[in-house]
C-alpha atoms as a PDB file:
ATOM      1  CA  MET A   1     -64.452  49.499  22.327  1.00  0.00           C
ATOM      2  CA  ALA A   2     -66.641  46.449  21.817  1.00  0.00           C
ATOM      3  CA  SER A   3     -70.394  46.472  22.133  1.00  0.00           C
ATOM      4  CA  SER A   4     -71.534  46.382  25.742  1.00  0.00           C
ATOM      5  CA  ASP A   5     -73.390  43.160  24.963  1.00  0.00           C
ATOM      6  CA  ASN A   6     -70.074  41.400  24.331  1.00  0.00           C
ATOM      7  CA  ILE A   7     -68.246  42.648  27.429  1.00  0.00           C
ATOM      8  CA  GLN A   8     -67.577  39.932  29.964  1.00  0.00           C
ATOM      9  CA  PRO A   9     -67.148  40.891  33.612  1.00  0.00           C
ATOM     10  CA  PRO A  10     -63.586  40.688  34.889  1.00  0.00           C
ATOM     11  CA  THR A  11     -63.014  37.409  36.687  1.00  0.00           C
ATOM     12  CA  ASP A  12     -60.539  38.679  39.255  1.00  0.00           C
ATOM     13  CA  ASN A  13     -61.406  39.937  42.719  1.00  0.00           C
ATOM     14  CA  ARG A  14     -59.206  43.030  42.705  1.00  0.00           C
ATOM     15  CA  LYS A  15     -60.600  46.020  44.572  1.00  0.00           C
ATOM     16  CA  ARG A  16     -62.152  48.719  42.385  1.00  0.00           C
ATOM     17  CA  CYS A  17     -63.644  52.133  42.975  1.00  0.00           C
ATOM     18  CA  SER A  18     -67.234  51.568  44.057  1.00  0.00           C
ATOM     19  CA  TRP A  19     -68.790  53.799  41.372  1.00  0.00           C
ATOM     20  CA  CYS A  20     -68.274  51.201  38.633  1.00  0.00           C
ATOM     21  CA  GLY A  21     -70.368  48.599  40.478  1.00  0.00           C
ATOM     22  CA  THR A  22     -70.641  45.248  38.730  1.00  0.00           C
ATOM     23  CA  ASP A  23     -71.632  46.366  35.229  1.00  0.00           C
ATOM     24  CA  PRO A  24     -69.051  44.701  32.918  1.00  0.00           C
ATOM     25  CA  LEU A  25     -68.812  47.742  30.597  1.00  0.00           C
ATOM     26  CA  TYR A  26     -68.365  50.137  33.517  1.00  0.00           C
ATOM     27  CA  MET A  27     -65.746  47.845  35.074  1.00  0.00           C
ATOM     28  CA  LYS A  28     -63.817  47.599  31.791  1.00  0.00           C
ATOM     29  CA  TYR A  29     -63.909  51.400  31.413  1.00  0.00           C
ATOM     30  CA  HIS A  30     -62.743  51.806  35.025  1.00  0.00           C
ATOM     31  CA  ASP A  31     -59.946  49.260  34.675  1.00  0.00           C
ATOM     32  CA  GLU A  32     -58.607  50.314  31.278  1.00  0.00           C
ATOM     33  CA  GLU A  33     -59.354  54.016  30.792  1.00  0.00           C
ATOM     34  CA  TRP A  34     -60.553  56.060  33.759  1.00  0.00           C
ATOM     35  CA  GLY A  35     -57.710  58.039  35.283  1.00  0.00           C
ATOM     36  CA  LYS A  36     -55.197  56.975  32.597  1.00  0.00           C
ATOM     37  CA  VAL A  37     -53.257  59.934  31.182  1.00  0.00           C
ATOM     38  CA  VAL A  38     -54.247  60.905  27.634  1.00  0.00           C
ATOM     39  CA  HIS A  39     -52.201  63.284  25.476  1.00  0.00           C
ATOM     40  CA  ASP A  40     -53.699  62.302  22.109  1.00  0.00           C
ATOM     41  CA  ASP A  41     -55.926  65.074  20.723  1.00  0.00           C
ATOM     42  CA  GLU A  42     -58.134  62.544  18.917  1.00  0.00           C
ATOM     43  CA  ILE A  43     -58.994  60.825  22.191  1.00  0.00           C
ATOM     44  CA  LEU A  44     -59.327  64.177  23.952  1.00  0.00           C
ATOM     45  CA  PHE A  45     -61.884  65.190  21.313  1.00  0.00           C
ATOM     46  CA  GLU A  46     -63.720  61.878  21.688  1.00  0.00           C
ATOM     47  CA  PHE A  47     -64.113  62.456  25.410  1.00  0.00           C
ATOM     48  CA  LEU A  48     -65.173  66.065  24.808  1.00  0.00           C
ATOM     49  CA  VAL A  49     -68.009  64.761  22.607  1.00  0.00           C
ATOM     50  CA  LEU A  50     -68.986  62.029  25.064  1.00  0.00           C
ATOM     51  CA  GLU A  51     -68.770  64.120  28.232  1.00  0.00           C
ATOM     52  CA  SER A  52     -70.761  66.945  26.633  1.00  0.00           C
ATOM     53  CA  ALA A  53     -73.416  64.423  25.581  1.00  0.00           C
ATOM     54  CA  GLN A  54     -73.540  63.221  29.184  1.00  0.00           C
ATOM     55  CA  ALA A  55     -74.770  66.572  30.554  1.00  0.00           C
ATOM     56  CA  GLY A  56     -77.900  65.779  32.575  1.00  0.00           C
ATOM     57  CA  LEU A  57     -77.496  62.018  32.071  1.00  0.00           C
ATOM     58  CA  SER A  58     -75.518  59.207  33.647  1.00  0.00           C
ATOM     59  CA  TRP A  59     -72.117  58.269  32.241  1.00  0.00           C
ATOM     60  CA  ILE A  60     -73.184  54.659  31.692  1.00  0.00           C
ATOM     61  CA  THR A  61     -75.962  55.908  29.381  1.00  0.00           C
ATOM     62  CA  ILE A  62     -73.333  57.495  27.134  1.00  0.00           C
ATOM     63  CA  LEU A  63     -70.787  54.707  27.564  1.00  0.00           C
ATOM     64  CA  ARG A  64     -73.344  52.200  26.247  1.00  0.00           C
ATOM     65  CA  ARG A  65     -73.793  54.394  23.172  1.00  0.00           C
ATOM     66  CA  ARG A  66     -70.096  55.094  22.616  1.00  0.00           C
ATOM     67  CA  GLU A  67     -69.785  53.091  19.392  1.00  0.00           C
ATOM     68  CA  ASN A  68     -72.966  54.692  18.086  1.00  0.00           C
ATOM     69  CA  TYR A  69     -71.431  58.109  18.760  1.00  0.00           C
ATOM     70  CA  ARG A  70     -68.241  56.996  17.006  1.00  0.00           C
ATOM     71  CA  ASN A  71     -70.271  56.020  13.932  1.00  0.00           C
ATOM     72  CA  ALA A  72     -72.500  59.096  14.031  1.00  0.00           C
ATOM     73  CA  PHE A  73     -69.634  61.559  14.444  1.00  0.00           C
ATOM     74  CA  ALA A  74     -67.208  60.336  11.774  1.00  0.00           C
ATOM     75  CA  GLY A  75     -65.017  58.268  14.085  1.00  0.00           C
ATOM     76  CA  PHE A  76     -64.540  61.390  16.243  1.00  0.00           C
ATOM     77  CA  ASP A  77     -62.576  63.037  13.418  1.00  0.00           C
ATOM     78  CA  VAL A  78     -62.631  66.648  14.606  1.00  0.00           C
ATOM     79  CA  GLN A  79     -62.198  68.079  11.088  1.00  0.00           C
ATOM     80  CA  LYS A  80     -65.146  66.087   9.724  1.00  0.00           C
ATOM     81  CA  VAL A  81     -67.348  66.931  12.709  1.00  0.00           C
ATOM     82  CA  ALA A  82     -66.470  70.636  12.446  1.00  0.00           C
ATOM     83  CA  ALA A  83     -67.544  70.572   8.780  1.00  0.00           C
ATOM     84  CA  MET A  84     -70.981  69.067   9.458  1.00  0.00           C
ATOM     85  CA  GLN A  85     -73.909  71.013   8.030  1.00  0.00           C
ATOM     86  CA  PRO A  86     -77.667  71.267   8.762  1.00  0.00           C
ATOM     87  CA  PRO A  87     -78.479  68.094   6.738  1.00  0.00           C
ATOM     88  CA  ASP A  88     -76.051  66.200   8.991  1.00  0.00           C
ATOM     89  CA  VAL A  89     -77.873  67.544  12.050  1.00  0.00           C
ATOM     90  CA  GLU A  90     -81.185  66.311  10.613  1.00  0.00           C
ATOM     91  CA  ARG A  91     -79.652  62.885   9.906  1.00  0.00           C
ATOM     92  CA  LEU A  92     -78.302  62.707  13.469  1.00  0.00           C
ATOM     93  CA  MET A  93     -81.698  63.683  14.875  1.00  0.00           C
ATOM     94  CA  GLN A  94     -83.001  60.429  13.356  1.00  0.00           C
ATOM     95  CA  ASP A  95     -80.172  58.294  14.812  1.00  0.00           C
ATOM     96  CA  ALA A  96     -81.673  56.268  17.673  1.00  0.00           C
ATOM     97  CA  GLY A  97     -78.179  55.160  18.724  1.00  0.00           C
ATOM     98  CA  ILE A  98     -77.274  58.564  20.173  1.00  0.00           C
ATOM     99  CA  ILE A  99     -79.018  61.089  22.404  1.00  0.00           C
ATOM    100  CA  ARG A 100     -81.250  62.916  19.928  1.00  0.00           C
ATOM    101  CA  ASN A 101     -81.036  66.345  21.432  1.00  0.00           C
ATOM    102  CA  ARG A 102     -80.695  69.006  18.747  1.00  0.00           C
ATOM    103  CA  LEU A 103     -78.819  71.404  21.018  1.00  0.00           C
ATOM    104  CA  LYS A 104     -76.299  68.708  22.020  1.00  0.00           C
ATOM    105  CA  ILE A 105     -75.801  67.705  18.377  1.00  0.00           C
ATOM    106  CA  THR A 106     -75.244  71.278  17.163  1.00  0.00           C
ATOM    107  CA  THR A 107     -73.036  71.920  20.186  1.00  0.00           C
ATOM    108  CA  THR A 108     -70.849  68.954  19.204  1.00  0.00           C
ATOM    109  CA  ILE A 109     -70.257  70.603  15.834  1.00  0.00           C
ATOM    110  CA  THR A 110     -69.563  74.012  17.403  1.00  0.00           C
ATOM    111  CA  ASN A 111     -67.283  72.439  20.009  1.00  0.00           C
ATOM    112  CA  ALA A 112     -65.354  70.722  17.199  1.00  0.00           C
ATOM    113  CA  GLN A 113     -64.844  74.084  15.493  1.00  0.00           C
ATOM    114  CA  ASN A 114     -63.663  75.615  18.774  1.00  0.00           C
ATOM    115  CA  PHE A 115     -61.416  72.599  19.465  1.00  0.00           C
ATOM    116  CA  ILE A 116     -59.628  73.269  16.149  1.00  0.00           C
ATOM    117  CA  LYS A 117     -59.204  76.952  17.053  1.00  0.00           C
ATOM    118  CA  VAL A 118     -57.601  75.951  20.364  1.00  0.00           C
ATOM    119  CA  GLN A 119     -55.301  73.500  18.552  1.00  0.00           C
ATOM    120  CA  LYS A 120     -54.166  76.280  16.228  1.00  0.00           C
ATOM    121  CA  GLU A 121     -53.577  78.685  19.106  1.00  0.00           C
ATOM    122  CA  PHE A 122     -51.730  76.276  21.440  1.00  0.00           C
ATOM    123  CA  GLY A 123     -50.287  73.710  19.021  1.00  0.00           C
ATOM    124  CA  SER A 124     -52.566  71.010  20.438  1.00  0.00           C
ATOM    125  CA  PHE A 125     -55.611  70.705  22.661  1.00  0.00           C
ATOM    126  CA  ASP A 126     -53.446  68.714  25.055  1.00  0.00           C
ATOM    127  CA  LYS A 127     -51.032  71.653  25.464  1.00  0.00           C
ATOM    128  CA  TYR A 128     -53.993  73.912  26.164  1.00  0.00           C
ATOM    129  CA  LEU A 129     -55.270  71.601  28.915  1.00  0.00           C
ATOM    130  CA  CYS A 130     -51.801  71.110  30.394  1.00  0.00           C
ATOM    131  CA  SER A 131     -51.464  74.888  30.735  1.00  0.00           C
ATOM    132  CA  PHE A 132     -54.032  74.733  33.553  1.00  0.00           C
ATOM    133  CA  MET A 133     -52.281  71.954  35.473  1.00  0.00           C
ATOM    134  CA  PRO A 134     -49.657  72.541  38.186  1.00  0.00           C
ATOM    135  CA  ASP A 135     -46.292  72.190  36.413  1.00  0.00           C
ATOM    136  CA  GLY A 136     -48.284  70.978  33.388  1.00  0.00           C
ATOM    137  CA  LYS A 137     -48.661  67.553  34.991  1.00  0.00           C
ATOM    138  CA  PRO A 138     -51.625  65.386  36.031  1.00  0.00           C
ATOM    139  CA  ILE A 139     -52.758  65.337  39.640  1.00  0.00           C
ATOM    140  CA  ASN A 140     -52.625  61.967  41.370  1.00  0.00           C
ATOM    141  CA  ASN A 141     -55.168  62.249  44.153  1.00  0.00           C
ATOM    142  CA  GLN A 142     -55.427  59.847  47.040  1.00  0.00           C
ATOM    143  CA  VAL A 143     -59.063  60.413  47.878  1.00  0.00           C
ATOM    144  CA  SER A 144     -61.704  58.914  50.061  1.00  0.00           C
ATOM    145  CA  GLN A 145     -64.391  61.223  48.672  1.00  0.00           C
ATOM    146  CA  THR A 146     -64.203  62.080  44.973  1.00  0.00           C
ATOM    147  CA  PRO A 147     -64.843  65.771  44.272  1.00  0.00           C
ATOM    148  CA  ILE A 148     -67.307  66.839  41.577  1.00  0.00           C
ATOM    149  CA  ARG A 149     -65.397  70.041  40.736  1.00  0.00           C
ATOM    150  CA  THR A 150     -62.192  71.832  41.667  1.00  0.00           C
ATOM    151  CA  GLU A 151     -60.652  75.264  41.165  1.00  0.00           C
ATOM    152  CA  ILE A 152     -58.886  73.863  38.102  1.00  0.00           C
ATOM    153  CA  SER A 153     -62.099  72.513  36.559  1.00  0.00           C
ATOM    154  CA  ASP A 154     -63.723  75.879  37.330  1.00  0.00           C
ATOM    155  CA  ALA A 155     -60.895  77.687  35.493  1.00  0.00           C
ATOM    156  CA  ILE A 156     -60.907  75.365  32.465  1.00  0.00           C
ATOM    157  CA  SER A 157     -64.688  75.444  32.190  1.00  0.00           C
ATOM    158  CA  LYS A 158     -64.762  79.239  32.465  1.00  0.00           C
ATOM    159  CA  ASP A 159     -62.064  79.638  29.812  1.00  0.00           C
ATOM    160  CA  MET A 160     -63.722  77.140  27.470  1.00  0.00           C
ATOM    161  CA  LYS A 161     -67.067  78.908  27.872  1.00  0.00           C
ATOM    162  CA  LYS A 162     -65.332  82.174  26.954  1.00  0.00           C
ATOM    163  CA  ARG A 163     -64.014  80.394  23.836  1.00  0.00           C
ATOM    164  CA  GLY A 164     -67.546  79.344  22.845  1.00  0.00           C
ATOM    165  CA  PHE A 165     -67.656  75.739  24.118  1.00  0.00           C
ATOM    166  CA  LYS A 166     -71.038  74.550  25.387  1.00  0.00           C
ATOM    167  CA  PHE A 167     -72.213  71.720  27.667  1.00  0.00           C
ATOM    168  CA  PHE A 168     -68.920  71.877  29.504  1.00  0.00           C
ATOM    169  CA  GLY A 169     -69.633  73.281  32.954  1.00  0.00           C
ATOM    170  CA  THR A 170     -67.276  72.662  35.839  1.00  0.00           C
ATOM    171  CA  THR A 171     -68.826  69.298  36.828  1.00  0.00           C
ATOM    172  CA  ILE A 172     -68.645  67.950  33.270  1.00  0.00           C
ATOM    173  CA  CYS A 173     -65.135  69.400  33.014  1.00  0.00           C
ATOM    174  CA  TYR A 174     -64.062  67.557  36.152  1.00  0.00           C
ATOM    175  CA  ALA A 175     -65.512  64.288  34.810  1.00  0.00           C
ATOM    176  CA  TYR A 176     -63.549  64.963  31.613  1.00  0.00           C
ATOM    177  CA  MET A 177     -60.389  65.518  33.652  1.00  0.00           C
ATOM    178  CA  GLN A 178     -60.957  62.160  35.370  1.00  0.00           C
ATOM    179  CA  ALA A 179     -61.692  60.373  32.090  1.00  0.00           C
ATOM    180  CA  THR A 180     -58.517  61.674  30.445  1.00  0.00           C
ATOM    181  CA  GLY A 181     -56.199  61.236  33.427  1.00  0.00           C
ATOM    182  CA  MET A 182     -55.680  64.924  34.147  1.00  0.00           C
ATOM    183  CA  VAL A 183     -56.636  63.788  37.626  1.00  0.00           C
ATOM    184  CA  ASN A 184     -56.448  60.276  38.996  1.00  0.00           C
ATOM    185  CA  ASP A 185     -59.199  59.857  41.563  1.00  0.00           C
ATOM    186  CA  HIS A 186     -59.005  56.103  42.085  1.00  0.00           C
ATOM    187  CA  VAL A 187     -59.582  55.482  45.774  1.00  0.00           C
ATOM    188  CA  VAL A 188     -56.577  54.445  47.852  1.00  0.00           C
ATOM    189  CA  GLU A 189     -57.731  50.811  48.045  1.00  0.00           C
ATOM    190  CA  CYS A 190     -58.288  50.515  44.262  1.00  0.00           C
ATOM    191  CA  ALA A 191     -55.939  48.107  42.487  1.00  0.00           C
ATOM    192  CA  PHE A 192     -56.174  50.148  39.276  1.00  0.00           C
ATOM    193  CA  LYS A 193     -54.884  53.512  40.524  1.00  0.00           C
END
């Protein structure tokens, strides 16, 4: 994704979900990614890193730092992130391009290690996630009010916590599900659903 400084606002007048407002980066994310089904473990790991970093912050705060996170965390290469050591944590604590929260940084490394364990157990992280979905398929909601959690996000979050994942409560899990297209919560009027 390009730097947010280079993102031009879409020039069309198509209806969008109201949450993306008029911020060009948010609109681009809404139009091109949010609610689109992802089965690629690399992208699923990227969103795990980003959504976990979001805990307690707004999504736009993390979205604006996405490229910085990509650079800081080895292009979201799960093997490289899982192998990071204390000197890497200290280096990342000096990186003004990311959220410099020691617990979130160390959690990213731990989550990478747990991500690999899940891949080994299920064959892929995608297969693991699909095991929670009805018939293994995404849910296409037609909503007027977007939920912040569901029974499925509760179940995934609880299971991931049991597996040692951190910063992945049910609300963050549901945002992750939206980001990766496990659920499509575009409002009925949205042209991008």
